Amino acid sequence: GPGLGIPRAASVPFEMAVAPYLPETANLPVFMLLYSLVFFLLA
């Protein structure tokens, strides 16, 4: 759950399917924060 499984499930889609396609100048921690915020609000 919250200690490992859920955070891993939420971080994988961003780091593997979103982050590689962002501009090189993108601030990844900020984008990750926004993506995970929407993800967990929906969840």
ModelCIF file with pLDDT and N, C-alpha, C, O atoms, coordinates in Angstrom:
data_MODEL
#
_entry.id   MODEL 
#
_entity.id                         1 
_entity.type                       polymer 
_entity.pdbx_number_of_molecules   1 
#
_entity_poly.entity_id                      1 
_entity_poly.type                           'polypeptide(L)' 
_entity_poly.nstd_linkage                   no 
_entity_poly.nstd_monomer                   no 
_entity_poly.pdbx_seq_one_letter_code       GPGLGIPRAASVPFEMAVAPYLPETANLPVFMLLYSLVFFLLA 
_entity_poly.pdbx_seq_one_letter_code_can   GPGLGIPRAASVPFEMAVAPYLPETANLPVFMLLYSLVFFLLA 
_entity_poly.pdbx_strand_id                 A 
#
loop_
_entity_poly_seq.entity_id 
_entity_poly_seq.num 
_entity_poly_seq.mon_id 
_entity_poly_seq.hetero 
1 1  GLY n 
1 2  PRO n 
1 3  GLY n 
1 4  LEU n 
1 5  GLY n 
1 6  ILE n 
1 7  PRO n 
1 8  ARG n 
1 9  ALA n 
1 10 ALA n 
1 11 SER n 
1 12 VAL n 
1 13 PRO n 
1 14 PHE n 
1 15 GLU n 
1 16 MET n 
1 17 ALA n 
1 18 VAL n 
1 19 ALA n 
1 20 PRO n 
1 21 TYR n 
1 22 LEU n 
1 23 PRO n 
1 24 GLU n 
1 25 THR n 
1 26 ALA n 
1 27 ASN n 
1 28 LEU n 
1 29 PRO n 
1 30 VAL n 
1 31 PHE n 
1 32 MET n 
1 33 LEU n 
1 34 LEU n 
1 35 TYR n 
1 36 SER n 
1 37 LEU n 
1 38 VAL n 
1 39 PHE n 
1 40 PHE n 
1 41 LEU n 
1 42 LEU n 
1 43 ALA n 
#
_struct_asym.id          A 
_struct_asym.entity_id   1 
#
loop_
_ma_qa_metric.id 
_ma_qa_metric.mode 
_ma_qa_metric.name 
_ma_qa_metric.software_group_id 
_ma_qa_metric.type 
1 global pLDDT . pLDDT 
2 local  pLDDT . pLDDT 
#
_ma_qa_metric_global.metric_id      1 
_ma_qa_metric_global.metric_value   83.98 
_ma_qa_metric_global.model_id       1 
_ma_qa_metric_global.ordinal_id     1 
#
loop_
_ma_qa_metric_local.label_asym_id 
_ma_qa_metric_local.label_comp_id 
_ma_qa_metric_local.label_seq_id 
_ma_qa_metric_local.metric_id 
_ma_qa_metric_local.metric_value 
_ma_qa_metric_local.model_id 
_ma_qa_metric_local.ordinal_id 
A GLY 1  2 81.00 1 1  
A PRO 2  2 83.00 1 2  
A GLY 3  2 78.00 1 3  
A LEU 4  2 78.00 1 4  
A GLY 5  2 79.00 1 5  
A ILE 6  2 86.00 1 6  
A PRO 7  2 85.00 1 7  
A ARG 8  2 79.00 1 8  
A ALA 9  2 79.00 1 9  
A ALA 10 2 81.00 1 10 
A SER 11 2 82.00 1 11 
A VAL 12 2 78.00 1 12 
A PRO 13 2 80.00 1 13 
A PHE 14 2 83.00 1 14 
A GLU 15 2 76.00 1 15 
A MET 16 2 72.00 1 16 
A ALA 17 2 72.00 1 17 
A VAL 18 2 80.00 1 18 
A ALA 19 2 81.00 1 19 
A PRO 20 2 79.00 1 20 
A TYR 21 2 77.00 1 21 
A LEU 22 2 83.00 1 22 
A PRO 23 2 84.00 1 23 
A GLU 24 2 81.00 1 24 
A THR 25 2 84.00 1 25 
A ALA 26 2 84.00 1 26 
A ASN 27 2 87.00 1 27 
A LEU 28 2 86.00 1 28 
A PRO 29 2 86.00 1 29 
A VAL 30 2 90.00 1 30 
A PHE 31 2 90.00 1 31 
A MET 32 2 89.00 1 32 
A LEU 33 2 91.00 1 33 
A LEU 34 2 92.00 1 34 
A TYR 35 2 89.00 1 35 
A SER 36 2 89.00 1 36 
A LEU 37 2 93.00 1 37 
A VAL 38 2 91.00 1 38 
A PHE 39 2 90.00 1 39 
A PHE 40 2 92.00 1 40 
A LEU 41 2 93.00 1 41 
A LEU 42 2 89.00 1 42 
A ALA 43 2 89.00 1 43 
#
loop_
_atom_site.group_PDB 
_atom_site.id 
_atom_site.type_symbol 
_atom_site.label_atom_id 
_atom_site.label_alt_id 
_atom_site.label_comp_id 
_atom_site.label_asym_id 
_atom_site.label_entity_id 
_atom_site.label_seq_id 
_atom_site.pdbx_PDB_ins_code 
_atom_site.Cartn_x 
_atom_site.Cartn_y 
_atom_site.Cartn_z 
_atom_site.occupancy 
_atom_site.B_iso_or_equiv 
_atom_site.pdbx_formal_charge 
_atom_site.auth_seq_id 
_atom_site.auth_comp_id 
_atom_site.auth_asym_id 
_atom_site.auth_atom_id 
_atom_site.pdbx_PDB_model_num 
ATOM 1   N N  . GLY A 1 1  ? 0.806  -1.217 0.000   1.00 81.00 ? 1  GLY A N  1 
ATOM 2   C CA . GLY A 1 1  ? 0.000  0.000  0.000   1.00 81.00 ? 1  GLY A CA 1 
ATOM 3   C C  . GLY A 1 1  ? 0.835  1.261  0.000   1.00 81.00 ? 1  GLY A C  1 
ATOM 4   O O  . GLY A 1 1  ? 1.668  1.454  -0.886  1.00 81.00 ? 1  GLY A O  1 
ATOM 5   N N  . PRO A 1 2  ? 0.624  2.125  0.985   1.00 83.00 ? 2  PRO A N  1 
ATOM 6   C CA . PRO A 1 2  ? 1.261  3.452  0.962   1.00 83.00 ? 2  PRO A CA 1 
ATOM 7   C C  . PRO A 1 2  ? 2.778  3.419  1.116   1.00 83.00 ? 2  PRO A C  1 
ATOM 8   O O  . PRO A 1 2  ? 3.456  4.372  0.731   1.00 83.00 ? 2  PRO A O  1 
ATOM 9   N N  . GLY A 1 3  ? 3.322  2.332  1.675   1.00 78.00 ? 3  GLY A N  1 
ATOM 10  C CA . GLY A 1 3  ? 4.757  2.284  1.889   1.00 78.00 ? 3  GLY A CA 1 
ATOM 11  C C  . GLY A 1 3  ? 5.559  1.947  0.652   1.00 78.00 ? 3  GLY A C  1 
ATOM 12  O O  . GLY A 1 3  ? 6.736  2.295  0.568   1.00 78.00 ? 3  GLY A O  1 
ATOM 13  N N  . LEU A 1 4  ? 4.945  1.275  -0.313  1.00 78.00 ? 4  LEU A N  1 
ATOM 14  C CA . LEU A 1 4  ? 5.713  0.824  -1.470  1.00 78.00 ? 4  LEU A CA 1 
ATOM 15  C C  . LEU A 1 4  ? 4.857  0.663  -2.740  1.00 78.00 ? 4  LEU A C  1 
ATOM 16  O O  . LEU A 1 4  ? 5.116  1.310  -3.755  1.00 78.00 ? 4  LEU A O  1 
ATOM 17  N N  . GLY A 1 5  ? 3.838  -0.204 -2.669  1.00 79.00 ? 5  GLY A N  1 
ATOM 18  C CA . GLY A 1 5  ? 3.081  -0.571 -3.861  1.00 79.00 ? 5  GLY A CA 1 
ATOM 19  C C  . GLY A 1 5  ? 2.369  0.587  -4.532  1.00 79.00 ? 5  GLY A C  1 
ATOM 20  O O  . GLY A 1 5  ? 2.498  0.775  -5.741  1.00 79.00 ? 5  GLY A O  1 
ATOM 21  N N  . ILE A 1 6  ? 1.615  1.370  -3.763  1.00 86.00 ? 6  ILE A N  1 
ATOM 22  C CA . ILE A 1 6  ? 0.852  2.480  -4.352  1.00 86.00 ? 6  ILE A CA 1 
ATOM 23  C C  . ILE A 1 6  ? 1.776  3.568  -4.905  1.00 86.00 ? 6  ILE A C  1 
ATOM 24  O O  . ILE A 1 6  ? 1.574  4.002  -6.039  1.00 86.00 ? 6  ILE A O  1 
ATOM 25  N N  . PRO A 1 7  ? 2.790  4.029  -4.144  1.00 85.00 ? 7  PRO A N  1 
ATOM 26  C CA . PRO A 1 7  ? 3.703  5.041  -4.723  1.00 85.00 ? 7  PRO A CA 1 
ATOM 27  C C  . PRO A 1 7  ? 4.407  4.540  -5.989  1.00 85.00 ? 7  PRO A C  1 
ATOM 28  O O  . PRO A 1 7  ? 4.603  5.306  -6.933  1.00 85.00 ? 7  PRO A O  1 
ATOM 29  N N  . ARG A 1 8  ? 4.789  3.255  -6.011  1.00 79.00 ? 8  ARG A N  1 
ATOM 30  C CA . ARG A 1 8  ? 5.440  2.719  -7.202  1.00 79.00 ? 8  ARG A CA 1 
ATOM 31  C C  . ARG A 1 8  ? 4.489  2.738  -8.392  1.00 79.00 ? 8  ARG A C  1 
ATOM 32  O O  . ARG A 1 8  ? 4.877  3.109  -9.500  1.00 79.00 ? 8  ARG A O  1 
ATOM 33  N N  . ALA A 1 9  ? 3.246  2.339  -8.158  1.00 79.00 ? 9  ALA A N  1 
ATOM 34  C CA . ALA A 1 9  ? 2.259  2.300  -9.240  1.00 79.00 ? 9  ALA A CA 1 
ATOM 35  C C  . ALA A 1 9  ? 1.958  3.690  -9.777  1.00 79.00 ? 9  ALA A C  1 
ATOM 36  O O  . ALA A 1 9  ? 1.619  3.844  -10.951 1.00 79.00 ? 9  ALA A O  1 
ATOM 37  N N  . ALA A 1 10 ? 2.078  4.697  -8.930  1.00 81.00 ? 10 ALA A N  1 
ATOM 38  C CA . ALA A 1 10 ? 1.794  6.061  -9.378  1.00 81.00 ? 10 ALA A CA 1 
ATOM 39  C C  . ALA A 1 10 ? 2.991  6.705  -10.066 1.00 81.00 ? 10 ALA A C  1 
ATOM 40  O O  . ALA A 1 10 ? 2.818  7.524  -10.968 1.00 81.00 ? 10 ALA A O  1 
ATOM 41  N N  . SER A 1 11 ? 4.202  6.345  -9.650  1.00 82.00 ? 11 SER A N  1 
ATOM 42  C CA . SER A 1 11 ? 5.392  6.989  -10.210 1.00 82.00 ? 11 SER A CA 1 
ATOM 43  C C  . SER A 1 11 ? 5.815  6.377  -11.541 1.00 82.00 ? 11 SER A C  1 
ATOM 44  O O  . SER A 1 11 ? 6.398  7.061  -12.382 1.00 82.00 ? 11 SER A O  1 
ATOM 45  N N  . VAL A 1 12 ? 5.519  5.074  -11.738 1.00 78.00 ? 12 VAL A N  1 
ATOM 46  C CA . VAL A 1 12 ? 5.930  4.405  -12.968 1.00 78.00 ? 12 VAL A CA 1 
ATOM 47  C C  . VAL A 1 12 ? 5.344  5.054  -14.222 1.00 78.00 ? 12 VAL A C  1 
ATOM 48  O O  . VAL A 1 12 ? 6.105  5.336  -15.147 1.00 78.00 ? 12 VAL A O  1 
ATOM 49  N N  . PRO A 1 13 ? 4.031  5.309  -14.306 1.00 80.00 ? 13 PRO A N  1 
ATOM 50  C CA . PRO A 1 13 ? 3.503  5.884  -15.547 1.00 80.00 ? 13 PRO A CA 1 
ATOM 51  C C  . PRO A 1 13 ? 4.110  7.243  -15.880 1.00 80.00 ? 13 PRO A C  1 
ATOM 52  O O  . PRO A 1 13 ? 4.285  7.573  -17.052 1.00 80.00 ? 13 PRO A O  1 
ATOM 53  N N  . PHE A 1 14 ? 4.434  8.037  -14.850 1.00 83.00 ? 14 PHE A N  1 
ATOM 54  C CA . PHE A 1 14 ? 5.041  9.336  -15.138 1.00 83.00 ? 14 PHE A CA 1 
ATOM 55  C C  . PHE A 1 14 ? 6.480  9.181  -15.629 1.00 83.00 ? 14 PHE A C  1 
ATOM 56  O O  . PHE A 1 14 ? 6.839  9.707  -16.683 1.00 83.00 ? 14 PHE A O  1 
ATOM 57  N N  . GLU A 1 15 ? 7.291  8.467  -14.876 1.00 76.00 ? 15 GLU A N  1 
ATOM 58  C CA . GLU A 1 15 ? 8.717  8.390  -15.198 1.00 76.00 ? 15 GLU A CA 1 
ATOM 59  C C  . GLU A 1 15 ? 8.990  7.569  -16.453 1.00 76.00 ? 15 GLU A C  1 
ATOM 60  O O  . GLU A 1 15 ? 10.010 7.766  -17.114 1.00 76.00 ? 15 GLU A O  1 
ATOM 61  N N  . MET A 1 16 ? 8.078  6.643  -16.787 1.00 72.00 ? 16 MET A N  1 
ATOM 62  C CA . MET A 1 16 ? 8.329  5.783  -17.933 1.00 72.00 ? 16 MET A CA 1 
ATOM 63  C C  . MET A 1 16 ? 7.549  6.175  -19.188 1.00 72.00 ? 16 MET A C  1 
ATOM 64  O O  . MET A 1 16 ? 7.952  5.819  -20.295 1.00 72.00 ? 16 MET A O  1 
ATOM 65  N N  . ALA A 1 17 ? 6.455  6.891  -19.037 1.00 72.00 ? 17 ALA A N  1 
ATOM 66  C CA . ALA A 1 17 ? 5.623  7.185  -20.211 1.00 72.00 ? 17 ALA A CA 1 
ATOM 67  C C  . ALA A 1 17 ? 5.298  8.658  -20.386 1.00 72.00 ? 17 ALA A C  1 
ATOM 68  O O  . ALA A 1 17 ? 4.679  9.034  -21.382 1.00 72.00 ? 17 ALA A O  1 
ATOM 69  N N  . VAL A 1 18 ? 5.707  9.511  -19.432 1.00 80.00 ? 18 VAL A N  1 
ATOM 70  C CA . VAL A 1 18 ? 5.436  10.942 -19.552 1.00 80.00 ? 18 VAL A CA 1 
ATOM 71  C C  . VAL A 1 18 ? 6.739  11.738 -19.569 1.00 80.00 ? 18 VAL A C  1 
ATOM 72  O O  . VAL A 1 18 ? 6.978  12.530 -20.481 1.00 80.00 ? 18 VAL A O  1 
ATOM 73  N N  . ALA A 1 19 ? 7.583  11.521 -18.553 1.00 81.00 ? 19 ALA A N  1 
ATOM 74  C CA . ALA A 1 19 ? 8.823  12.291 -18.429 1.00 81.00 ? 19 ALA A CA 1 
ATOM 75  C C  . ALA A 1 19 ? 9.721  12.241 -19.667 1.00 81.00 ? 19 ALA A C  1 
ATOM 76  O O  . ALA A 1 19 ? 10.268 13.275 -20.050 1.00 81.00 ? 19 ALA A O  1 
ATOM 77  N N  . PRO A 1 20 ? 9.897  11.063 -20.317 1.00 79.00 ? 20 PRO A N  1 
ATOM 78  C CA . PRO A 1 20 ? 10.796 11.020 -21.479 1.00 79.00 ? 20 PRO A CA 1 
ATOM 79  C C  . PRO A 1 20 ? 10.354 11.901 -22.648 1.00 79.00 ? 20 PRO A C  1 
ATOM 80  O O  . PRO A 1 20 ? 11.161 12.225 -23.519 1.00 79.00 ? 20 PRO A O  1 
ATOM 81  N N  . TYR A 1 21 ? 9.084  12.288 -22.669 1.00 77.00 ? 21 TYR A N  1 
ATOM 82  C CA . TYR A 1 21 ? 8.566  13.059 -23.797 1.00 77.00 ? 21 TYR A CA 1 
ATOM 83  C C  . TYR A 1 21 ? 8.399  14.543 -23.473 1.00 77.00 ? 21 TYR A C  1 
ATOM 84  O O  . TYR A 1 21 ? 7.922  15.311 -24.308 1.00 77.00 ? 21 TYR A O  1 
ATOM 85  N N  . LEU A 1 22 ? 8.792  14.948 -22.256 1.00 83.00 ? 22 LEU A N  1 
ATOM 86  C CA . LEU A 1 22 ? 8.730  16.360 -21.893 1.00 83.00 ? 22 LEU A CA 1 
ATOM 87  C C  . LEU A 1 22 ? 9.943  17.095 -22.473 1.00 83.00 ? 22 LEU A C  1 
ATOM 88  O O  . LEU A 1 22 ? 10.968 16.466 -22.736 1.00 83.00 ? 22 LEU A O  1 
ATOM 89  N N  . PRO A 1 23 ? 9.845  18.403 -22.677 1.00 84.00 ? 23 PRO A N  1 
ATOM 90  C CA . PRO A 1 23 ? 10.997 19.168 -23.177 1.00 84.00 ? 23 PRO A CA 1 
ATOM 91  C C  . PRO A 1 23 ? 12.205 19.029 -22.250 1.00 84.00 ? 23 PRO A C  1 
ATOM 92  O O  . PRO A 1 23 ? 12.053 18.831 -21.044 1.00 84.00 ? 23 PRO A O  1 
ATOM 93  N N  . GLU A 1 24 ? 13.379 19.132 -22.812 1.00 81.00 ? 24 GLU A N  1 
ATOM 94  C CA . GLU A 1 24 ? 14.603 18.974 -22.025 1.00 81.00 ? 24 GLU A CA 1 
ATOM 95  C C  . GLU A 1 24 ? 14.709 20.026 -20.922 1.00 81.00 ? 24 GLU A C  1 
ATOM 96  O O  . GLU A 1 24 ? 15.332 19.780 -19.889 1.00 81.00 ? 24 GLU A O  1 
ATOM 97  N N  . THR A 1 25 ? 14.115 21.177 -21.132 1.00 84.00 ? 25 THR A N  1 
ATOM 98  C CA . THR A 1 25 ? 14.187 22.252 -20.136 1.00 84.00 ? 25 THR A CA 1 
ATOM 99  C C  . THR A 1 25 ? 13.108 22.135 -19.054 1.00 84.00 ? 25 THR A C  1 
ATOM 100 O O  . THR A 1 25 ? 13.044 22.960 -18.142 1.00 84.00 ? 25 THR A O  1 
ATOM 101 N N  . ALA A 1 26 ? 12.255 21.096 -19.162 1.00 84.00 ? 26 ALA A N  1 
ATOM 102 C CA . ALA A 1 26 ? 11.144 20.946 -18.212 1.00 84.00 ? 26 ALA A CA 1 
ATOM 103 C C  . ALA A 1 26 ? 11.667 20.650 -16.806 1.00 84.00 ? 26 ALA A C  1 
ATOM 104 O O  . ALA A 1 26 ? 12.649 19.930 -16.629 1.00 84.00 ? 26 ALA A O  1 
ATOM 105 N N  . ASN A 1 27 ? 10.992 21.217 -15.823 1.00 87.00 ? 27 ASN A N  1 
ATOM 106 C CA . ASN A 1 27 ? 11.322 20.950 -14.421 1.00 87.00 ? 27 ASN A CA 1 
ATOM 107 C C  . ASN A 1 27 ? 10.591 19.673 -14.003 1.00 87.00 ? 27 ASN A C  1 
ATOM 108 O O  . ASN A 1 27 ? 9.416  19.717 -13.638 1.00 87.00 ? 27 ASN A O  1 
ATOM 109 N N  . LEU A 1 28 ? 11.286 18.542 -14.056 1.00 86.00 ? 28 LEU A N  1 
ATOM 110 C CA . LEU A 1 28 ? 10.641 17.241 -13.833 1.00 86.00 ? 28 LEU A CA 1 
ATOM 111 C C  . LEU A 1 28 ? 9.984  17.117 -12.457 1.00 86.00 ? 28 LEU A C  1 
ATOM 112 O O  . LEU A 1 28 ? 8.863  16.615 -12.374 1.00 86.00 ? 28 LEU A O  1 
ATOM 113 N N  . PRO A 1 29 ? 10.639 17.558 -11.363 1.00 86.00 ? 29 PRO A N  1 
ATOM 114 C CA . PRO A 1 29 ? 9.971  17.447 -10.053 1.00 86.00 ? 29 PRO A CA 1 
ATOM 115 C C  . PRO A 1 29 ? 8.630  18.174 -9.999  1.00 86.00 ? 29 PRO A C  1 
ATOM 116 O O  . PRO A 1 29 ? 7.688  17.698 -9.365  1.00 86.00 ? 29 PRO A O  1 
ATOM 117 N N  . VAL A 1 30 ? 8.545  19.328 -10.664 1.00 90.00 ? 30 VAL A N  1 
ATOM 118 C CA . VAL A 1 30 ? 7.281  20.080 -10.662 1.00 90.00 ? 30 VAL A CA 1 
ATOM 119 C C  . VAL A 1 30 ? 6.216  19.340 -11.471 1.00 90.00 ? 30 VAL A C  1 
ATOM 120 O O  . VAL A 1 30 ? 5.068  19.223 -11.044 1.00 90.00 ? 30 VAL A O  1 
ATOM 121 N N  . PHE A 1 31 ? 6.611  18.844 -12.644 1.00 90.00 ? 31 PHE A N  1 
ATOM 122 C CA . PHE A 1 31 ? 5.665  18.088 -13.463 1.00 90.00 ? 31 PHE A CA 1 
ATOM 123 C C  . PHE A 1 31 ? 5.211  16.813 -12.737 1.00 90.00 ? 31 PHE A C  1 
ATOM 124 O O  . PHE A 1 31 ? 4.041  16.434 -12.800 1.00 90.00 ? 31 PHE A O  1 
ATOM 125 N N  . MET A 1 32 ? 6.150  16.167 -12.053 1.00 89.00 ? 32 MET A N  1 
ATOM 126 C CA . MET A 1 32 ? 5.815  14.965 -11.293 1.00 89.00 ? 32 MET A CA 1 
ATOM 127 C C  . MET A 1 32 ? 4.824  15.287 -10.171 1.00 89.00 ? 32 MET A C  1 
ATOM 128 O O  . MET A 1 32 ? 3.885  14.534 -9.912  1.00 89.00 ? 32 MET A O  1 
ATOM 129 N N  . LEU A 1 33 ? 5.057  16.416 -9.521  1.00 91.00 ? 33 LEU A N  1 
ATOM 130 C CA . LEU A 1 33 ? 4.166  16.856 -8.442  1.00 91.00 ? 33 LEU A CA 1 
ATOM 131 C C  . LEU A 1 33 ? 2.753  17.066 -8.971  1.00 91.00 ? 33 LEU A C  1 
ATOM 132 O O  . LEU A 1 33 ? 1.781  16.616 -8.363  1.00 91.00 ? 33 LEU A O  1 
ATOM 133 N N  . LEU A 1 34 ? 2.644  17.751 -10.104 1.00 92.00 ? 34 LEU A N  1 
ATOM 134 C CA . LEU A 1 34 ? 1.331  18.035 -10.684 1.00 92.00 ? 34 LEU A CA 1 
ATOM 135 C C  . LEU A 1 34 ? 0.646  16.751 -11.170 1.00 92.00 ? 34 LEU A C  1 
ATOM 136 O O  . LEU A 1 34 ? -0.544 16.541 -10.935 1.00 92.00 ? 34 LEU A O  1 
ATOM 137 N N  . TYR A 1 35 ? 1.425  15.895 -11.854 1.00 89.00 ? 35 TYR A N  1 
ATOM 138 C CA . TYR A 1 35 ? 0.860  14.641 -12.372 1.00 89.00 ? 35 TYR A CA 1 
ATOM 139 C C  . TYR A 1 35 ? 0.357  13.769 -11.220 1.00 89.00 ? 35 TYR A C  1 
ATOM 140 O O  . TYR A 1 35 ? -0.770 13.275 -11.264 1.00 89.00 ? 35 TYR A O  1 
ATOM 141 N N  . SER A 1 36 ? 1.177  13.579 -10.203 1.00 89.00 ? 36 SER A N  1 
ATOM 142 C CA . SER A 1 36 ? 0.803  12.706 -9.082  1.00 89.00 ? 36 SER A CA 1 
ATOM 143 C C  . SER A 1 36 ? -0.348 13.299 -8.279  1.00 89.00 ? 36 SER A C  1 
ATOM 144 O O  . SER A 1 36 ? -1.153 12.562 -7.710  1.00 89.00 ? 36 SER A O  1 
ATOM 145 N N  . LEU A 1 37 ? -0.431 14.644 -8.229  1.00 93.00 ? 37 LEU A N  1 
ATOM 146 C CA . LEU A 1 37 ? -1.546 15.279 -7.524  1.00 93.00 ? 37 LEU A CA 1 
ATOM 147 C C  . LEU A 1 37 ? -2.865 14.940 -8.211  1.00 93.00 ? 37 LEU A C  1 
ATOM 148 O O  . LEU A 1 37 ? -3.823 14.543 -7.548  1.00 93.00 ? 37 LEU A O  1 
ATOM 149 N N  . VAL A 1 38 ? -2.922 15.095 -9.534  1.00 91.00 ? 38 VAL A N  1 
ATOM 150 C CA . VAL A 1 38 ? -4.130 14.745 -10.289 1.00 91.00 ? 38 VAL A CA 1 
ATOM 151 C C  . VAL A 1 38 ? -4.414 13.251 -10.168 1.00 91.00 ? 38 VAL A C  1 
ATOM 152 O O  . VAL A 1 38 ? -5.562 12.840 -10.001 1.00 91.00 ? 38 VAL A O  1 
ATOM 153 N N  . PHE A 1 39 ? -3.348 12.438 -10.256 1.00 90.00 ? 39 PHE A N  1 
ATOM 154 C CA . PHE A 1 39 ? -3.489 10.983 -10.178 1.00 90.00 ? 39 PHE A CA 1 
ATOM 155 C C  . PHE A 1 39 ? -4.137 10.573 -8.861  1.00 90.00 ? 39 PHE A C  1 
ATOM 156 O O  . PHE A 1 39 ? -5.089 9.793  -8.854  1.00 90.00 ? 39 PHE A O  1 
ATOM 157 N N  . PHE A 1 40 ? -3.627 11.093 -7.748  1.00 92.00 ? 40 PHE A N  1 
ATOM 158 C CA . PHE A 1 40 ? -4.140 10.665 -6.439  1.00 92.00 ? 40 PHE A CA 1 
ATOM 159 C C  . PHE A 1 40 ? -5.485 11.307 -6.102  1.00 92.00 ? 40 PHE A C  1 
ATOM 160 O O  . PHE A 1 40 ? -6.271 10.719 -5.358  1.00 92.00 ? 40 PHE A O  1 
ATOM 161 N N  . LEU A 1 41 ? -5.762 12.478 -6.623  1.00 93.00 ? 41 LEU A N  1 
ATOM 162 C CA . LEU A 1 41 ? -7.102 13.041 -6.440  1.00 93.00 ? 41 LEU A CA 1 
ATOM 163 C C  . LEU A 1 41 ? -8.139 12.157 -7.123  1.00 93.00 ? 41 LEU A C  1 
ATOM 164 O O  . LEU A 1 41 ? -9.207 11.895 -6.569  1.00 93.00 ? 41 LEU A O  1 
ATOM 165 N N  . LEU A 1 42 ? -7.814 11.697 -8.335  1.00 89.00 ? 42 LEU A N  1 
ATOM 166 C CA . LEU A 1 42 ? -8.721 10.814 -9.068  1.00 89.00 ? 42 LEU A CA 1 
ATOM 167 C C  . LEU A 1 42 ? -8.846 9.459  -8.375  1.00 89.00 ? 42 LEU A C  1 
ATOM 168 O O  . LEU A 1 42 ? -9.943 8.911  -8.262  1.00 89.00 ? 42 LEU A O  1 
ATOM 169 N N  . ALA A 1 43 ? -7.709 8.919  -7.907  1.00 89.00 ? 43 ALA A N  1 
ATOM 170 C CA . ALA A 1 43 ? -7.723 7.625  -7.217  1.00 89.00 ? 43 ALA A CA 1 
ATOM 171 C C  . ALA A 1 43 ? -8.544 7.696  -5.929  1.00 89.00 ? 43 ALA A C  1 
ATOM 172 O O  . ALA A 1 43 ? -8.666 6.698  -5.219  1.00 89.00 ? 43 ALA A O  1 
#
